[in-house]
């Protein structure tokens, strides 16, 4: 199967998690970082994603979000980034789209519906993925 015919990977997120628009990154971060039970590694990954979306909003482009880059910024091993992102997806705080070999995953801000309602985010059309 060629790359042109390959189906895109779906957004992996927790059941009921709502995708948050990129321009709401500050509100997303304040709610996500306050989630009880976050370990330091998970909080570090959230901080990196917050910084990415802040740069994206201010400059129009973000940073490269490979596991290795995130690991270097957080100060942990790349394998621990994988574990932390898995936990963050389970908690409904981020969504991940896997990319092909050699390409970084795409990370999206998500929140559980009860928290997204606090931001007054449209939870009815949560199947729409914002452009990245």
Foldseek 3Di string as FASTA:
>chain_A
DDPVPDDFFAKQAAVQKFFDDLVCLVLLLVVLLPDPPQDLLLNLLSVQVSQQSVCCVPPVGGDADALVVSCVSSVHDSVVNVVSVVVCRNQSQKIWTDDDPPGGIDITGIHHPVSVVVVVDPSPPRSDDDDD
